[in-house]
Amino acid sequence: MTITAGMIGLGAMGAPMAHNLAKQGLLTSVWNRTSNKAESLAAALNIQAAESPEALAKSCNIIAICVSRDQDVLEVIEILLPGLQPGAVVIDHSTVSIETAREAAEKVKTQGADFLDAPVSGGVEGARAGTLSVMVGGSRQALDKAMPALQAIGQRIEHMGDVGSGQATKVVNQILCAGINQAVTEALAFGMTLGLDMDKVIDVVSGGAAGNWFLEKRGPTMIRHRFEPGFKLALHHKDLKICQQMAEQAGIPLPLALQTLKDYQRLMDQGFGEEDISALFRLKK
């Protein structure tokens, strides 16, 4: 199958993902709610800016979606359905609930197309470098069709099971991110109170058992009180609300995730919701 891919949603993650699809010669069309963003990117990549998700679906057999919220995903799916070709694959890279993924899959199925829930991890840096981790739920046949497009944006692509299992895996990822954020911000704030050279601290600790991606990538910026978004705090808050709902349904306590929700709410109330999640450091000083 010759892939003609379209990208819907050109935000902090979607735009660099579109660039990487274009580098592999797969991207033919883009759409964004803010049309001038789509038109600018289309001109830069010498591709088409679709008038609507429906128009994009008519010309593409792989449709990738990367938007912010459950309702956004379902609205986009509804709009593109009339143009969706039988045999096409819709890949949703958004972080949404398992129920939303399954509902979207059922809608796509009515048109004879396939659906993959394929949330990603790796931040803006991973999106730019094409090194994202991709957690995929859906049929193996659909995954095989979509694999060249997924390989354009990701370094690790893992088939987790049926539709919804990609989102379930992303929930695990987001809880881990909450814990790592709490640990790194608390530890670095403590190091600063001890008067240590924090660049040296980050360097040496990163080489040991406590080293991690967040410490390496966000530590140097947070100690300088810079919180430009790689992953917006308000979006992680939204994701952790999904985790909370799932945990309540399963009767499983998530004390660390719940504390992070409370901390994020405090920061959002102070106007910091558009900052990176490392802005949690503001509460640790």
C-alpha atoms as a PDB file:
ATOM      1  CA  MET A   1       0.000   0.000   0.000  1.00  0.00           C
ATOM      2  CA  THR A   2       1.301   3.425  -0.956  1.00  0.00           C
ATOM      3  CA  ILE A   3       0.797   5.613   2.084  1.00  0.00           C
ATOM      4  CA  THR A   4      -0.835   9.002   1.765  1.00  0.00           C
ATOM      5  CA  ALA A   5      -0.834  10.373   5.296  1.00  0.00           C
ATOM      6  CA  GLY A   6      -2.682  13.313   6.769  1.00  0.00           C
ATOM      7  CA  MET A   7      -2.096  15.026  10.107  1.00  0.00           C
ATOM      8  CA  ILE A   8      -4.887  16.614  12.146  1.00  0.00           C
ATOM      9  CA  GLY A   9      -3.731  18.824  15.025  1.00  0.00           C
ATOM     10  CA  LEU A  10      -0.554  20.871  14.673  1.00  0.00           C
ATOM     11  CA  GLY A  11       0.259  21.834  18.248  1.00  0.00           C
ATOM     12  CA  ALA A  12       3.493  21.364  20.166  1.00  0.00           C
ATOM     13  CA  MET A  13       3.546  17.631  19.383  1.00  0.00           C
ATOM     14  CA  GLY A  14       1.554  17.423  16.157  1.00  0.00           C
ATOM     15  CA  ALA A  15       3.604  19.913  14.147  1.00  0.00           C
ATOM     16  CA  PRO A  16       6.982  18.185  14.610  1.00  0.00           C
ATOM     17  CA  MET A  17       5.332  14.813  14.043  1.00  0.00           C
ATOM     18  CA  ALA A  18       4.019  16.180  10.743  1.00  0.00           C
ATOM     19  CA  HIS A  19       7.534  17.322   9.818  1.00  0.00           C
ATOM     20  CA  ASN A  20       8.872  13.823  10.383  1.00  0.00           C
ATOM     21  CA  LEU A  21       6.115  12.250   8.302  1.00  0.00           C
ATOM     22  CA  ALA A  22       7.000  14.701   5.537  1.00  0.00           C
ATOM     23  CA  LYS A  23      10.706  13.833   5.774  1.00  0.00           C
ATOM     24  CA  GLN A  24       9.794  10.245   4.943  1.00  0.00           C
ATOM     25  CA  GLY A  25       7.704  11.348   1.975  1.00  0.00           C
ATOM     26  CA  LEU A  26       4.466  10.124   3.576  1.00  0.00           C
ATOM     27  CA  LEU A  27       2.610  13.348   4.421  1.00  0.00           C
ATOM     28  CA  THR A  28       0.264  14.780   1.808  1.00  0.00           C
ATOM     29  CA  SER A  29      -2.201  16.900   3.814  1.00  0.00           C
ATOM     30  CA  VAL A  30      -2.641  18.695   7.148  1.00  0.00           C
ATOM     31  CA  TRP A  31      -5.539  20.293   9.000  1.00  0.00           C
ATOM     32  CA  ASN A  32      -5.659  22.425  12.116  1.00  0.00           C
ATOM     33  CA  ARG A  33      -8.489  24.243  13.843  1.00  0.00           C
ATOM     34  CA  THR A  34      -6.448  27.447  13.445  1.00  0.00           C
ATOM     35  CA  SER A  35      -6.236  27.434   9.665  1.00  0.00           C
ATOM     36  CA  ASN A  36      -3.276  29.804   9.268  1.00  0.00           C
ATOM     37  CA  LYS A  37      -1.070  27.331  11.162  1.00  0.00           C
ATOM     38  CA  ALA A  38      -2.004  24.574   8.709  1.00  0.00           C
ATOM     39  CA  GLU A  39      -1.538  26.824   5.697  1.00  0.00           C
ATOM     40  CA  SER A  40       1.895  27.957   6.887  1.00  0.00           C
ATOM     41  CA  LEU A  41       3.102  24.413   7.515  1.00  0.00           C
ATOM     42  CA  ALA A  42       1.635  23.144   4.240  1.00  0.00           C
ATOM     43  CA  ALA A  43       3.450  25.858   2.322  1.00  0.00           C
ATOM     44  CA  ALA A  44       6.730  25.040   4.078  1.00  0.00           C
ATOM     45  CA  LEU A  45       6.371  21.320   3.342  1.00  0.00           C
ATOM     46  CA  ASN A  46       4.895  21.749  -0.148  1.00  0.00           C
ATOM     47  CA  ILE A  47       1.774  19.764   0.699  1.00  0.00           C
ATOM     48  CA  GLN A  48      -1.947  20.481   0.917  1.00  0.00           C
ATOM     49  CA  ALA A  49      -3.769  22.309   3.709  1.00  0.00           C
ATOM     50  CA  ALA A  50      -7.133  20.556   3.789  1.00  0.00           C
ATOM     51  CA  GLU A  51     -10.289  22.617   4.139  1.00  0.00           C
ATOM     52  CA  SER A  52     -11.710  20.209   6.728  1.00  0.00           C
ATOM     53  CA  PRO A  53     -11.025  16.841   8.369  1.00  0.00           C
ATOM     54  CA  GLU A  54     -13.512  15.347   5.896  1.00  0.00           C
ATOM     55  CA  ALA A  55     -11.549  16.699   2.938  1.00  0.00           C
ATOM     56  CA  LEU A  56      -8.312  15.380   4.432  1.00  0.00           C
ATOM     57  CA  ALA A  57      -9.836  11.924   4.952  1.00  0.00           C
ATOM     58  CA  LYS A  58     -10.956  11.794   1.309  1.00  0.00           C
ATOM     59  CA  SER A  59      -7.346  12.115   0.118  1.00  0.00           C
ATOM     60  CA  CYS A  60      -5.499  10.048   2.766  1.00  0.00           C
ATOM     61  CA  ASN A  61      -5.366   6.391   3.739  1.00  0.00           C
ATOM     62  CA  ILE A  62      -3.530   7.070   7.020  1.00  0.00           C
ATOM     63  CA  ILE A  63      -5.046   9.811   9.188  1.00  0.00           C
ATOM     64  CA  ALA A  64      -3.107  10.789  12.313  1.00  0.00           C
ATOM     65  CA  ILE A  65      -4.792  12.856  15.019  1.00  0.00           C
ATOM     66  CA  CYS A  66      -3.054  14.735  17.831  1.00  0.00           C
ATOM     67  CA  VAL A  67      -5.419  16.969  19.804  1.00  0.00           C
ATOM     68  CA  SER A  68      -5.836  17.833  23.471  1.00  0.00           C
ATOM     69  CA  ARG A  69      -9.061  16.418  24.859  1.00  0.00           C
ATOM     70  CA  ASP A  70     -11.568  13.581  24.559  1.00  0.00           C
ATOM     71  CA  GLN A  71     -14.270  15.814  23.114  1.00  0.00           C
ATOM     72  CA  ASP A  72     -11.833  17.155  20.513  1.00  0.00           C
ATOM     73  CA  VAL A  73     -11.075  13.619  19.341  1.00  0.00           C
ATOM     74  CA  LEU A  74     -14.739  12.664  19.028  1.00  0.00           C
ATOM     75  CA  GLU A  75     -15.602  15.907  17.212  1.00  0.00           C
ATOM     76  CA  VAL A  76     -12.799  15.380  14.697  1.00  0.00           C
ATOM     77  CA  ILE A  77     -13.875  11.773  14.138  1.00  0.00           C
ATOM     78  CA  GLU A  78     -17.481  12.836  13.482  1.00  0.00           C
ATOM     79  CA  ILE A  79     -16.382  15.455  10.949  1.00  0.00           C
ATOM     80  CA  LEU A  80     -13.978  13.213   9.037  1.00  0.00           C
ATOM     81  CA  LEU A  81     -16.279  10.140   8.894  1.00  0.00           C
ATOM     82  CA  PRO A  82     -18.078  11.062   5.636  1.00  0.00           C
ATOM     83  CA  GLY A  83     -14.742  11.293   3.837  1.00  0.00           C
ATOM     84  CA  LEU A  84     -13.134   8.206   5.361  1.00  0.00           C
ATOM     85  CA  GLN A  85     -12.124   5.558   2.838  1.00  0.00           C
ATOM     86  CA  PRO A  86     -12.726   1.838   3.444  1.00  0.00           C
ATOM     87  CA  GLY A  87      -9.422   0.249   4.460  1.00  0.00           C
ATOM     88  CA  ALA A  88      -7.978   3.492   5.794  1.00  0.00           C
ATOM     89  CA  VAL A  89      -6.395   3.640   9.248  1.00  0.00           C
ATOM     90  CA  VAL A  90      -7.113   6.402  11.752  1.00  0.00           C
ATOM     91  CA  ILE A  91      -4.353   6.762  14.347  1.00  0.00           C
ATOM     92  CA  ASP A  92      -5.131   8.790  17.445  1.00  0.00           C
ATOM     93  CA  HIS A  93      -1.987  10.032  19.197  1.00  0.00           C
ATOM     94  CA  SER A  94      -3.964  12.080  21.738  1.00  0.00           C
ATOM     95  CA  THR A  95      -4.110  11.108  25.403  1.00  0.00           C
ATOM     96  CA  VAL A  96      -7.755  10.330  26.168  1.00  0.00           C
ATOM     97  CA  SER A  97      -9.809   7.824  28.120  1.00  0.00           C
ATOM     98  CA  ILE A  98     -10.134   4.168  27.153  1.00  0.00           C
ATOM     99  CA  GLU A  99     -13.870   4.725  26.633  1.00  0.00           C
ATOM    100  CA  THR A 100     -13.208   7.542  24.168  1.00  0.00           C
ATOM    101  CA  ALA A 101     -10.776   5.359  22.210  1.00  0.00           C
ATOM    102  CA  ARG A 102     -13.334   2.571  21.973  1.00  0.00           C
ATOM    103  CA  GLU A 103     -16.125   4.954  20.967  1.00  0.00           C
ATOM    104  CA  ALA A 104     -13.939   6.469  18.253  1.00  0.00           C
ATOM    105  CA  ALA A 105     -13.018   2.979  17.009  1.00  0.00           C
ATOM    106  CA  GLU A 106     -16.680   1.991  16.701  1.00  0.00           C
ATOM    107  CA  LYS A 107     -17.437   5.116  14.669  1.00  0.00           C
ATOM    108  CA  VAL A 108     -14.500   4.514  12.337  1.00  0.00           C
ATOM    109  CA  LYS A 109     -15.526   0.877  11.900  1.00  0.00           C
ATOM    110  CA  THR A 110     -18.875   1.948  10.408  1.00  0.00           C
ATOM    111  CA  GLN A 111     -16.954   3.278   7.386  1.00  0.00           C
ATOM    112  CA  GLY A 112     -14.972   0.089   6.879  1.00  0.00           C
ATOM    113  CA  ALA A 113     -11.808   1.667   8.263  1.00  0.00           C
ATOM    114  CA  ASP A 114      -9.526   0.744  11.179  1.00  0.00           C
ATOM    115  CA  PHE A 115      -8.626   2.656  14.328  1.00  0.00           C
ATOM    116  CA  LEU A 116      -5.500   2.620  16.470  1.00  0.00           C
ATOM    117  CA  ASP A 117      -5.182   4.380  19.797  1.00  0.00           C
ATOM    118  CA  ALA A 118      -1.497   5.253  19.817  1.00  0.00           C
ATOM    119  CA  PRO A 119      -0.564   7.806  22.487  1.00  0.00           C
ATOM    120  CA  VAL A 120       3.064   8.838  22.626  1.00  0.00           C
ATOM    121  CA  SER A 121       5.707   9.669  25.205  1.00  0.00           C
ATOM    122  CA  GLY A 122       9.005  11.495  24.844  1.00  0.00           C
ATOM    123  CA  GLY A 123       8.066  15.162  24.978  1.00  0.00           C
ATOM    124  CA  VAL A 124       8.547  17.844  22.383  1.00  0.00           C
ATOM    125  CA  GLU A 125      12.184  16.792  22.077  1.00  0.00           C
ATOM    126  CA  GLY A 126      11.155  13.279  21.077  1.00  0.00           C
ATOM    127  CA  ALA A 127       8.542  14.597  18.661  1.00  0.00           C
ATOM    128  CA  ARG A 128      11.156  16.758  16.941  1.00  0.00           C
ATOM    129  CA  ALA A 129      13.762  14.001  16.796  1.00  0.00           C
ATOM    130  CA  GLY A 130      11.323  11.298  15.707  1.00  0.00           C
ATOM    131  CA  THR A 131      12.237   9.198  18.746  1.00  0.00           C
ATOM    132  CA  LEU A 132       8.891   8.957  20.534  1.00  0.00           C
ATOM    133  CA  SER A 133       7.677   5.836  22.310  1.00  0.00           C
ATOM    134  CA  VAL A 134       4.324   4.803  20.824  1.00  0.00           C
ATOM    135  CA  MET A 135       1.861   2.618  22.761  1.00  0.00           C
ATOM    136  CA  VAL A 136      -0.561   1.061  20.305  1.00  0.00           C
ATOM    137  CA  GLY A 137      -3.995  -0.480  20.796  1.00  0.00           C
ATOM    138  CA  GLY A 138      -5.871  -2.054  17.896  1.00  0.00           C
ATOM    139  CA  SER A 139      -5.614  -4.915  15.431  1.00  0.00           C
ATOM    140  CA  ARG A 140      -2.243  -6.226  14.259  1.00  0.00           C
ATOM    141  CA  GLN A 141      -3.417  -5.875  10.650  1.00  0.00           C
ATOM    142  CA  ALA A 142      -4.108  -2.152  11.129  1.00  0.00           C
ATOM    143  CA  LEU A 143      -0.790  -1.707  12.894  1.00  0.00           C
ATOM    144  CA  ASP A 144       1.053  -3.350  10.016  1.00  0.00           C
ATOM    145  CA  LYS A 145      -0.609  -0.951   7.566  1.00  0.00           C
ATOM    146  CA  ALA A 146       0.277   2.065   9.700  1.00  0.00           C
ATOM    147  CA  MET A 147       3.782   0.963  10.703  1.00  0.00           C
ATOM    148  CA  PRO A 148       5.727   3.128   8.197  1.00  0.00           C
ATOM    149  CA  ALA A 149       3.919   6.224   9.498  1.00  0.00           C
ATOM    150  CA  LEU A 150       4.549   5.235  13.112  1.00  0.00           C
ATOM    151  CA  GLN A 151       8.217   4.554  12.392  1.00  0.00           C
ATOM    152  CA  ALA A 152       8.521   8.073  10.988  1.00  0.00           C
ATOM    153  CA  ILE A 153       7.637   9.571  14.371  1.00  0.00           C
ATOM    154  CA  GLY A 154       8.748   6.934  16.859  1.00  0.00           C
ATOM    155  CA  GLN A 155      11.781   4.932  17.879  1.00  0.00           C
ATOM    156  CA  ARG A 156       9.881   2.365  19.942  1.00  0.00           C
ATOM    157  CA  ILE A 157       6.503   1.133  18.739  1.00  0.00           C
ATOM    158  CA  GLU A 158       4.824  -1.453  20.970  1.00  0.00           C
ATOM    159  CA  HIS A 159       1.574  -3.274  20.217  1.00  0.00           C
ATOM    160  CA  MET A 160      -0.194  -3.420  23.589  1.00  0.00           C
ATOM    161  CA  GLY A 161      -3.354  -5.286  22.554  1.00  0.00           C
ATOM    162  CA  ASP A 162      -6.890  -4.374  21.532  1.00  0.00           C
ATOM    163  CA  VAL A 163      -8.262  -0.841  21.142  1.00  0.00           C
ATOM    164  CA  GLY A 164      -7.952   0.982  24.462  1.00  0.00           C
ATOM    165  CA  SER A 165      -4.795  -0.772  25.579  1.00  0.00           C
ATOM    166  CA  GLY A 166      -2.637   2.018  24.190  1.00  0.00           C
ATOM    167  CA  GLN A 167      -4.471   4.521  26.368  1.00  0.00           C
ATOM    168  CA  ALA A 168      -4.301   2.160  29.366  1.00  0.00           C
ATOM    169  CA  THR A 169      -0.529   2.021  28.960  1.00  0.00           C
ATOM    170  CA  LYS A 170      -0.361   5.804  28.687  1.00  0.00           C
ATOM    171  CA  VAL A 171      -2.162   6.050  32.053  1.00  0.00           C
ATOM    172  CA  VAL A 172       0.688   4.068  33.608  1.00  0.00           C
ATOM    173  CA  ASN A 173       3.141   6.445  31.916  1.00  0.00           C
ATOM    174  CA  GLN A 174       1.368   9.536  33.233  1.00  0.00           C
ATOM    175  CA  ILE A 175       1.325   8.251  36.822  1.00  0.00           C
ATOM    176  CA  LEU A 176       5.054   7.578  36.548  1.00  0.00           C
ATOM    177  CA  CYS A 177       5.567  11.101  35.200  1.00  0.00           C
ATOM    178  CA  ALA A 178       3.745  12.511  38.231  1.00  0.00           C
ATOM    179  CA  GLY A 179       5.977  10.601  40.624  1.00  0.00           C
ATOM    180  CA  ILE A 180       9.169  11.511  38.805  1.00  0.00           C
ATOM    181  CA  ASN A 181       8.123  15.170  38.713  1.00  0.00           C
ATOM    182  CA  GLN A 182       7.494  15.160  42.465  1.00  0.00           C
ATOM    183  CA  ALA A 183      10.821  13.474  43.209  1.00  0.00           C
ATOM    184  CA  VAL A 184      12.984  15.591  40.914  1.00  0.00           C
ATOM    185  CA  THR A 185      11.495  18.960  41.853  1.00  0.00           C
ATOM    186  CA  GLU A 186      11.668  18.169  45.574  1.00  0.00           C
ATOM    187  CA  ALA A 187      15.249  16.881  45.405  1.00  0.00           C
ATOM    188  CA  LEU A 188      16.565  19.793  43.349  1.00  0.00           C
ATOM    189  CA  ALA A 189      14.880  22.347  45.595  1.00  0.00           C
ATOM    190  CA  PHE A 190      16.504  20.638  48.585  1.00  0.00           C
ATOM    191  CA  GLY A 191      19.893  20.720  46.870  1.00  0.00           C
ATOM    192  CA  MET A 192      19.559  24.440  46.274  1.00  0.00           C
ATOM    193  CA  THR A 193      18.883  25.079  49.972  1.00  0.00           C
ATOM    194  CA  LEU A 194      22.170  23.286  50.720  1.00  0.00           C
ATOM    195  CA  GLY A 195      24.034  25.751  48.524  1.00  0.00           C
ATOM    196  CA  LEU A 196      25.236  23.134  46.031  1.00  0.00           C
ATOM    197  CA  ASP A 197      26.302  23.807  42.447  1.00  0.00           C
ATOM    198  CA  MET A 198      23.134  22.413  40.936  1.00  0.00           C
ATOM    199  CA  ASP A 199      24.505  21.934  37.416  1.00  0.00           C
ATOM    200  CA  LYS A 200      27.131  19.640  38.895  1.00  0.00           C
ATOM    201  CA  VAL A 201      24.494  17.879  40.990  1.00  0.00           C
ATOM    202  CA  ILE A 202      22.356  17.205  37.928  1.00  0.00           C
ATOM    203  CA  ASP A 203      25.353  15.996  35.943  1.00  0.00           C
ATOM    204  CA  VAL A 204      26.656  13.527  38.516  1.00  0.00           C
ATOM    205  CA  VAL A 205      23.245  12.262  39.661  1.00  0.00           C
ATOM    206  CA  SER A 206      22.146  11.725  36.058  1.00  0.00           C
ATOM    207  CA  GLY A 207      24.982   9.217  35.666  1.00  0.00           C
ATOM    208  CA  GLY A 208      23.811   7.063  38.573  1.00  0.00           C
ATOM    209  CA  ALA A 209      20.812   5.063  39.708  1.00  0.00           C
ATOM    210  CA  ALA A 210      18.646   8.178  40.158  1.00  0.00           C
ATOM    211  CA  GLY A 211      19.262   9.409  36.619  1.00  0.00           C
ATOM    212  CA  ASN A 212      16.195   9.866  34.397  1.00  0.00           C
ATOM    213  CA  TRP A 213      14.969  11.714  31.317  1.00  0.00           C
ATOM    214  CA  PHE A 214      13.105  14.380  33.280  1.00  0.00           C
ATOM    215  CA  LEU A 215      16.098  15.227  35.469  1.00  0.00           C
ATOM    216  CA  GLU A 216      18.384  15.480  32.454  1.00  0.00           C
ATOM    217  CA  LYS A 217      16.023  17.469  30.218  1.00  0.00           C
ATOM    218  CA  ARG A 218      14.139  19.640  32.727  1.00  0.00           C
ATOM    219  CA  GLY A 219      16.549  19.918  35.675  1.00  0.00           C
ATOM    220  CA  PRO A 220      18.804  22.568  34.085  1.00  0.00           C
ATOM    221  CA  THR A 221      15.841  24.753  33.149  1.00  0.00           C
ATOM    222  CA  MET A 222      13.876  24.472  36.391  1.00  0.00           C
ATOM    223  CA  ILE A 223      16.875  25.505  38.557  1.00  0.00           C
ATOM    224  CA  ARG A 224      16.987  28.646  36.404  1.00  0.00           C
ATOM    225  CA  HIS A 225      13.250  29.153  36.945  1.00  0.00           C
ATOM    226  CA  ARG A 226      12.472  28.632  33.268  1.00  0.00           C
ATOM    227  CA  PHE A 227       9.349  26.626  32.546  1.00  0.00           C
ATOM    228  CA  GLU A 228       8.782  26.847  28.785  1.00  0.00           C
ATOM    229  CA  PRO A 229       6.301  24.094  27.964  1.00  0.00           C
ATOM    230  CA  GLY A 230       7.454  20.764  26.695  1.00  0.00           C
ATOM    231  CA  PHE A 231       4.404  19.178  28.310  1.00  0.00           C
ATOM    232  CA  LYS A 232       1.892  21.682  29.604  1.00  0.00           C
ATOM    233  CA  LEU A 233       0.939  21.370  33.245  1.00  0.00           C
ATOM    234  CA  ALA A 234      -2.760  21.787  32.499  1.00  0.00           C
ATOM    235  CA  LEU A 235      -2.636  18.853  30.061  1.00  0.00           C
ATOM    236  CA  HIS A 236      -0.952  16.582  32.581  1.00  0.00           C
ATOM    237  CA  HIS A 237      -3.626  17.626  35.060  1.00  0.00           C
ATOM    238  CA  LYS A 238      -6.243  16.542  32.504  1.00  0.00           C
ATOM    239  CA  ASP A 239      -4.468  13.208  32.032  1.00  0.00           C
ATOM    240  CA  LEU A 240      -4.233  12.589  35.772  1.00  0.00           C
ATOM    241  CA  LYS A 241      -7.983  13.195  36.080  1.00  0.00           C
ATOM    242  CA  ILE A 242      -8.410  10.282  33.656  1.00  0.00           C
ATOM    243  CA  CYS A 243      -6.109   8.220  35.894  1.00  0.00           C
ATOM    244  CA  GLN A 244      -8.149   9.217  38.947  1.00  0.00           C
ATOM    245  CA  GLN A 245     -11.401   8.147  37.305  1.00  0.00           C
ATOM    246  CA  MET A 246      -9.976   4.782  36.284  1.00  0.00           C
ATOM    247  CA  ALA A 247      -8.504   4.206  39.748  1.00  0.00           C
ATOM    248  CA  GLU A 248     -11.815   4.971  41.427  1.00  0.00           C
ATOM    249  CA  GLN A 249     -13.597   2.501  39.134  1.00  0.00           C
ATOM    250  CA  ALA A 250     -11.008  -0.159  39.983  1.00  0.00           C
ATOM    251  CA  GLY A 251     -10.943   0.668  43.710  1.00  0.00           C
ATOM    252  CA  ILE A 252      -7.192   1.342  43.607  1.00  0.00           C
ATOM    253  CA  PRO A 253      -5.667   4.235  45.607  1.00  0.00           C
ATOM    254  CA  LEU A 254      -3.262   6.555  43.791  1.00  0.00           C
ATOM    255  CA  PRO A 255      -2.011   8.862  46.566  1.00  0.00           C
ATOM    256  CA  LEU A 256       0.927  10.291  44.651  1.00  0.00           C
ATOM    257  CA  ALA A 257      -1.126  11.049  41.543  1.00  0.00           C
ATOM    258  CA  LEU A 258      -3.837  12.668  43.671  1.00  0.00           C
ATOM    259  CA  GLN A 259      -1.290  14.861  45.440  1.00  0.00           C
ATOM    260  CA  THR A 260       0.077  15.920  42.072  1.00  0.00           C
ATOM    261  CA  LEU A 261      -3.450  16.817  40.949  1.00  0.00           C
ATOM    262  CA  LYS A 262      -3.828  19.053  44.010  1.00  0.00           C
ATOM    263  CA  ASP A 263      -0.444  20.685  43.405  1.00  0.00           C
ATOM    264  CA  TYR A 264      -1.216  21.270  39.736  1.00  0.00           C
ATOM    265  CA  GLN A 265      -4.569  22.820  40.655  1.00  0.00           C
ATOM    266  CA  ARG A 266      -2.788  25.278  42.960  1.00  0.00           C
ATOM    267  CA  LEU A 267      -0.450  26.248  40.133  1.00  0.00           C
ATOM    268  CA  MET A 268      -3.287  26.528  37.629  1.00  0.00           C
ATOM    269  CA  ASP A 269      -5.163  28.789  40.032  1.00  0.00           C
ATOM    270  CA  GLN A 270      -2.066  30.996  40.089  1.00  0.00           C
ATOM    271  CA  GLY A 271      -1.993  31.172  36.286  1.00  0.00           C
ATOM    272  CA  PHE A 272       0.763  28.654  35.555  1.00  0.00           C
ATOM    273  CA  GLY A 273      -1.282  26.040  33.703  1.00  0.00           C
ATOM    274  CA  GLU A 274       0.375  26.780  30.339  1.00  0.00           C
ATOM    275  CA  GLU A 275       3.856  26.233  31.745  1.00  0.00           C
ATOM    276  CA  ASP A 276       5.796  22.977  31.654  1.00  0.00           C
ATOM    277  CA  ILE A 277       5.015  20.394  34.340  1.00  0.00           C
ATOM    278  CA  SER A 278       8.413  21.196  35.856  1.00  0.00           C
ATOM    279  CA  ALA A 279       6.724  24.370  37.160  1.00  0.00           C
ATOM    280  CA  LEU A 280       5.870  22.125  40.128  1.00  0.00           C
ATOM    281  CA  PHE A 281       9.294  23.339  41.296  1.00  0.00           C
ATOM    282  CA  ARG A 282       7.584  26.629  42.186  1.00  0.00           C
ATOM    283  CA  LEU A 283       5.888  24.868  45.120  1.00  0.00           C
ATOM    284  CA  LYS A 284       9.049  23.204  46.406  1.00  0.00           C
ATOM    285  CA  LYS A 285      11.211  26.249  47.070  1.00  0.00           C
END
